[in-house]
Protein backbone atom coordinates (compact mmCIF):
# COMPACT_ATOMS: atom_id res chain seq x y z
CA MET A 1 -126.05 -57.74 -35.10
CA LYS A 2 -129.47 -57.25 -36.65
CA ILE A 3 -130.47 -54.61 -39.18
CA ASN A 4 -133.99 -53.84 -40.36
CA ILE A 5 -133.77 -53.68 -44.16
CA ALA A 6 -137.46 -53.03 -44.87
CA SER A 7 -136.65 -49.58 -46.30
CA VAL A 8 -134.34 -50.99 -49.01
CA ILE A 9 -135.60 -54.47 -49.77
CA ASN A 10 -138.31 -53.46 -52.27
CA SER A 11 -136.92 -50.15 -53.61
CA ASP A 12 -134.36 -50.25 -56.42
CA GLY A 13 -131.47 -47.90 -55.68
CA ALA A 14 -132.41 -47.44 -52.01
CA LYS A 15 -129.53 -47.22 -49.51
CA LEU A 16 -129.23 -47.85 -45.80
CA SER A 17 -126.20 -46.68 -43.81
CA ILE A 18 -124.74 -48.91 -41.10
CA GLU A 19 -122.99 -47.62 -37.98
CA LYS A 20 -122.75 -50.22 -35.23
CA GLU A 21 -120.47 -51.53 -32.51
CA PHE A 22 -119.69 -55.21 -32.15
CA GLN A 23 -118.36 -56.68 -28.91
CA VAL A 24 -115.65 -59.23 -29.75
CA GLY A 25 -114.03 -59.97 -26.37
CA THR A 26 -111.22 -62.52 -26.08
CA PHE A 27 -110.69 -65.51 -28.35
CA GLU A 28 -107.96 -67.81 -29.59
CA PHE A 29 -107.23 -67.95 -33.30
CA ALA A 30 -104.35 -69.55 -35.21
CA GLY A 31 -102.42 -70.21 -32.01
CA ASN A 32 -102.66 -66.67 -30.63
CA GLU A 33 -104.93 -65.13 -28.04
CA TYR A 34 -106.59 -61.86 -29.06
CA THR A 35 -108.32 -59.47 -26.66
CA PHE A 36 -110.58 -56.67 -27.86
CA GLU A 37 -111.26 -54.59 -24.76
CA LYS A 38 -113.45 -52.10 -26.65
CA PRO A 39 -116.09 -52.97 -29.24
CA VAL A 40 -115.01 -52.84 -32.88
CA GLN A 41 -116.64 -50.16 -35.03
CA ILE A 42 -118.67 -51.36 -38.00
CA THR A 43 -119.63 -48.92 -40.75
CA GLY A 44 -121.04 -49.59 -44.17
CA GLU A 45 -123.98 -49.51 -46.46
CA ILE A 46 -126.70 -51.79 -47.77
CA LYS A 47 -127.87 -50.88 -51.26
CA ASN A 48 -130.62 -52.39 -53.38
CA ILE A 49 -129.09 -52.90 -56.83
CA GLY A 50 -132.21 -54.37 -58.42
CA SER A 51 -131.64 -58.10 -58.46
CA ALA A 52 -129.74 -58.20 -55.17
CA LEU A 53 -128.73 -56.35 -52.05
CA LYS A 54 -125.13 -55.16 -52.02
CA ILE A 55 -123.58 -54.99 -48.57
CA ALA A 56 -120.30 -53.13 -48.00
CA LEU A 57 -118.80 -53.30 -44.51
CA GLU A 58 -115.74 -51.75 -42.88
CA LEU A 59 -114.37 -52.82 -39.52
CA ARG A 60 -111.93 -51.00 -37.25
CA GLY A 61 -110.83 -52.01 -33.78
CA GLU A 62 -107.93 -52.38 -31.38
CA TYR A 63 -106.66 -55.62 -29.90
CA THR A 64 -103.90 -56.87 -27.66
CA SER A 65 -101.95 -60.06 -28.21
CA TYR A 66 -98.32 -61.16 -27.99
CA CYS A 67 -95.35 -61.13 -30.35
CA ASP A 68 -94.84 -64.44 -32.15
CA ARG A 69 -91.06 -64.13 -31.94
CA CYS A 70 -90.26 -62.79 -28.47
CA GLY A 71 -93.55 -63.17 -26.57
CA CYS A 72 -93.88 -59.56 -25.43
CA ASP A 73 -97.32 -57.93 -25.24
CA ILE A 74 -98.42 -55.89 -28.25
CA ALA A 75 -101.34 -53.61 -29.05
CA GLU A 76 -102.45 -53.26 -32.67
CA THR A 77 -105.26 -51.86 -34.79
CA VAL A 78 -107.23 -54.14 -37.08
CA PHE A 79 -108.97 -52.88 -40.22
CA GLY A 80 -111.01 -54.88 -42.70
CA GLU A 81 -113.37 -54.43 -45.60
CA ALA A 82 -115.87 -56.75 -47.23
CA GLU A 83 -118.47 -56.57 -49.96
CA GLU A 84 -121.14 -59.13 -50.62
CA ASN A 85 -124.10 -59.39 -52.97
CA ILE A 86 -127.08 -61.20 -51.53
CA THR A 87 -129.58 -62.50 -54.05
CA GLY A 88 -133.06 -63.74 -53.26
CA GLU A 89 -131.83 -67.33 -53.43
CA ASN A 90 -129.21 -67.19 -50.68
CA VAL A 91 -131.11 -64.73 -48.48
CA GLU A 92 -133.96 -67.19 -48.06
CA VAL A 93 -131.62 -69.81 -46.62
CA ASP A 94 -129.87 -69.30 -43.29
CA SER A 95 -126.12 -69.25 -43.76
CA GLU A 96 -123.08 -68.62 -41.61
CA MET A 97 -122.70 -65.10 -42.99
CA PHE A 98 -126.22 -63.67 -43.25
CA THR A 99 -129.62 -64.62 -41.89
CA LEU A 100 -132.84 -63.00 -43.01
CA ASN A 101 -135.92 -63.23 -40.81
CA GLY A 102 -138.71 -61.18 -42.34
CA HIS A 103 -137.13 -57.79 -42.99
CA VAL A 104 -134.38 -58.20 -40.38
CA LEU A 105 -130.92 -59.12 -41.67
CA ASP A 106 -128.48 -60.57 -39.14
CA ILE A 107 -124.87 -59.80 -40.17
CA SER A 108 -123.17 -61.19 -37.04
CA GLY A 109 -121.60 -64.07 -38.96
CA ALA A 110 -120.23 -61.71 -41.61
CA VAL A 111 -118.73 -59.42 -38.96
CA GLU A 112 -117.10 -62.35 -37.13
CA SER A 113 -115.60 -63.61 -40.40
CA LEU A 114 -114.36 -60.12 -41.17
CA VAL A 115 -112.65 -59.92 -37.76
CA TYR A 116 -110.87 -63.26 -38.32
CA SER A 117 -109.85 -62.49 -41.90
CA SER A 118 -108.49 -59.05 -40.93
CA LEU A 119 -106.05 -60.36 -38.33
CA PRO A 120 -102.41 -60.59 -39.39
CA MET A 121 -100.82 -63.95 -40.15
CA ARG A 122 -98.04 -63.13 -37.69
CA ASN A 123 -98.00 -60.71 -34.75
CA LEU A 124 -94.70 -58.91 -34.34
CA CYS A 125 -93.70 -56.21 -31.85
CA SER A 126 -91.53 -54.70 -34.61
CA ASP A 127 -90.44 -55.71 -38.10
CA ASP A 128 -86.87 -56.25 -36.87
CA CYS A 129 -87.74 -58.32 -33.78
CA LYS A 130 -84.90 -60.76 -33.12
CA GLY A 131 -86.98 -63.15 -31.03
CA LEU A 132 -85.66 -65.55 -28.40
CA CYS A 133 -82.47 -67.61 -28.46
CA SER A 134 -83.45 -71.15 -29.38
CA LYS A 135 -80.92 -72.57 -26.92
CA CYS A 136 -81.15 -70.47 -23.74
CA GLY A 137 -84.33 -68.43 -24.23
CA THR A 138 -82.73 -64.99 -23.89
CA ASP A 139 -84.73 -62.15 -25.44
CA LEU A 140 -82.32 -61.11 -28.19
CA ASN A 141 -83.97 -57.67 -28.48
CA LYS A 142 -82.78 -56.83 -24.96
CA SER A 143 -79.43 -58.58 -24.69
CA GLU A 144 -76.95 -60.89 -26.40
CA CYS A 145 -76.28 -64.42 -25.27
CA ASN A 146 -73.13 -66.54 -25.52
CA CYS A 147 -74.73 -69.56 -27.15
CA ASP A 148 -73.08 -71.11 -30.20
CA THR A 149 -75.54 -70.28 -32.97
CA THR A 150 -73.44 -71.70 -35.79
CA ARG A 151 -75.66 -73.62 -38.14
CA TYR A 152 -74.33 -76.65 -39.90
CA ASP A 153 -75.77 -78.26 -42.97
CA PRO A 154 -76.98 -81.68 -41.78
CA ARG A 155 -75.88 -83.24 -45.08
CA PHE A 156 -72.25 -82.70 -43.99
CA ALA A 157 -72.63 -84.16 -40.48
CA ILE A 158 -70.63 -87.25 -41.45
CA PHE A 159 -67.63 -85.05 -42.28
CA ARG A 160 -67.78 -83.35 -38.87
CA LYS A 161 -67.90 -86.76 -37.28
CA LEU A 162 -64.90 -87.95 -39.31
CA ALA A 163 -62.91 -84.81 -38.45
CA GLY A 164 -63.39 -85.68 -34.78
CA ASN A 165 -63.53 -82.13 -33.51
CA GLY A 166 -66.99 -81.31 -34.83
CA GLU A 167 -65.74 -78.71 -37.29
CA VAL A 168 -65.40 -79.04 -41.03
């Protein structure tokens, strides 16, 4: 995603608005698969603050994935914000986040990082999702199962063994 910054690079206080779309597609991240069927919307501003360029970006998009507890499909909205100051020193050098070639600034790396950092740590279909039974695999949101879900403290296993019937 390339932006011509010639209008702001040499003018203190100059601003440049950003309104772009970024095609993300499908990718795997942190054990989940994410699909962005529509491009994410990128808005923001590049401002010359004298000694540096200040870049403020906002990202909004919709993705589909699956619930980490029960495995059902989910659709969610992702929103993220980032601000970065770029000084003459780190603009000259290509980096993962920004690349300057003449008066063209490539922010693709920054947008990709913003997508990744805006994703939730855990995808849930609802806050009270019960997940799957660890013994039989029944979706506990839809039905109950008859599995024994009693949890025993493993430190007392010897007492259950001594009792002979497995109960203490």
